[in-house]
């Protein structure tokens, strides 16, 4: 025999997903009504699990959004990032872990 706990009780035992933070790659100075993200869709072979594919929890859902609407529910957290006041100062920008550089 197997136990048949209520589905809600099983869900209480599952660890919540951590938020996925993405970098905004558009400027509100150009269009304050639109926000663009640069996202690498994660879809790659799993290590030590031949024939299985690792997929990104959020990136694959973003990829599946219809191009005609391209809308998603998001929240924006405040950023302390600021460019130097002197525009002649050199700046090195790094997008760690993305494998892409939108600058």
Protein backbone atom coordinates (compact mmCIF):
# COMPACT_ATOMS: atom_id res chain seq x y z
CA UNK A 1 0.00 0.00 0.00
CA UNK A 2 1.02 3.60 -0.39
CA UNK A 3 -0.04 6.64 1.55
CA UNK A 4 -2.17 9.26 -0.18
CA UNK A 5 -1.52 12.58 1.55
CA UNK A 6 -3.55 15.62 0.48
CA UNK A 7 -1.88 17.49 -2.37
CA UNK A 8 -1.72 20.68 -0.27
CA UNK A 9 0.23 18.85 2.45
CA UNK A 10 2.78 17.65 -0.11
CA UNK A 11 3.18 21.19 -1.49
CA UNK A 12 3.97 22.49 2.00
CA UNK A 13 7.01 20.18 2.04
CA UNK A 14 8.42 21.42 -1.28
CA UNK A 15 11.10 24.10 -1.09
CA UNK A 16 10.04 27.42 -2.63
CA UNK A 17 11.92 28.56 -5.71
CA UNK A 18 14.24 31.51 -5.24
CA UNK A 19 13.47 34.59 -7.36
CA UNK A 20 15.23 34.86 -10.71
CA UNK A 21 16.89 38.25 -11.08
CA UNK A 22 17.60 39.55 -14.56
CA UNK A 23 19.34 42.71 -15.67
CA UNK A 24 17.31 45.31 -17.50
CA UNK A 25 18.98 45.90 -20.86
CA UNK A 26 16.94 48.88 -22.00
CA UNK A 27 16.91 52.51 -21.00
CA UNK A 28 13.90 54.22 -19.46
CA UNK A 29 15.32 57.46 -20.89
CA UNK A 30 14.46 56.15 -24.36
CA UNK A 31 11.06 54.60 -23.51
CA UNK A 32 9.70 54.69 -19.97
CA UNK A 33 6.79 52.36 -20.86
CA UNK A 34 8.88 49.40 -22.06
CA UNK A 35 11.38 47.17 -20.33
CA UNK A 36 13.74 44.80 -22.15
CA UNK A 37 15.60 41.90 -20.55
CA UNK A 38 18.60 40.03 -21.87
CA UNK A 39 18.14 36.38 -20.95
CA UNK A 40 20.08 33.25 -21.86
CA UNK A 41 17.63 30.38 -22.28
CA UNK A 42 18.97 27.41 -20.33
CA UNK A 43 18.57 24.14 -22.21
CA UNK A 44 21.55 21.80 -21.98
CA UNK A 45 22.37 18.12 -21.38
CA UNK A 46 22.37 17.13 -17.71
CA UNK A 47 25.64 15.90 -16.26
CA UNK A 48 25.72 12.20 -15.43
CA UNK A 49 22.19 11.72 -16.77
CA UNK A 50 22.44 10.65 -20.41
CA UNK A 51 19.42 11.56 -22.50
CA UNK A 52 18.06 14.09 -20.00
CA UNK A 53 18.00 17.85 -20.54
CA UNK A 54 18.37 20.57 -17.93
CA UNK A 55 15.98 23.45 -18.62
CA UNK A 56 15.82 26.86 -16.98
CA UNK A 57 12.88 27.34 -14.66
CA UNK A 58 12.16 30.88 -15.79
CA UNK A 59 14.16 31.38 -19.00
CA UNK A 60 12.22 28.69 -20.89
CA UNK A 61 8.91 30.22 -19.75
CA UNK A 62 10.04 33.64 -20.97
CA UNK A 63 11.08 32.08 -24.28
CA UNK A 64 7.60 30.54 -24.68
CA UNK A 65 5.82 33.91 -24.42
CA UNK A 66 4.10 34.85 -27.68
CA UNK A 67 6.17 37.40 -29.59
CA UNK A 68 3.02 39.40 -30.33
CA UNK A 69 2.40 40.24 -26.65
CA UNK A 70 5.71 39.54 -24.93
CA UNK A 71 4.21 40.41 -21.55
CA UNK A 72 5.15 38.89 -18.21
CA UNK A 73 4.39 39.71 -14.59
CA UNK A 74 7.57 41.08 -13.00
CA UNK A 75 8.81 43.05 -10.05
CA UNK A 76 11.70 45.49 -10.16
CA UNK A 77 14.05 45.71 -7.23
CA UNK A 78 15.96 48.93 -6.60
CA UNK A 79 19.52 49.15 -7.85
CA UNK A 80 22.46 51.09 -6.48
CA UNK A 81 24.21 50.98 -9.87
CA UNK A 82 25.28 54.39 -11.15
CA UNK A 83 27.64 55.37 -13.93
CA UNK A 84 30.44 57.80 -13.01
CA UNK A 85 29.43 61.47 -13.07
CA UNK A 86 32.38 62.11 -15.38
CA UNK A 87 31.45 60.55 -18.77
CA UNK A 88 35.12 60.44 -19.81
CA UNK A 89 35.94 57.90 -17.07
CA UNK A 90 36.42 54.36 -18.49
CA UNK A 91 33.87 51.74 -17.42
CA UNK A 92 34.16 47.95 -17.50
CA UNK A 93 30.80 46.18 -17.31
CA UNK A 94 30.49 42.47 -16.63
CA UNK A 95 27.42 40.21 -16.93
CA UNK A 96 28.58 37.29 -14.76
CA UNK A 97 27.26 33.87 -15.64
CA UNK A 98 25.25 34.93 -18.67
CA UNK A 99 27.83 34.21 -21.33
CA UNK A 100 26.56 37.29 -23.17
CA UNK A 101 27.42 40.96 -23.04
CA UNK A 102 24.69 43.41 -24.11
CA UNK A 103 26.77 46.57 -23.69
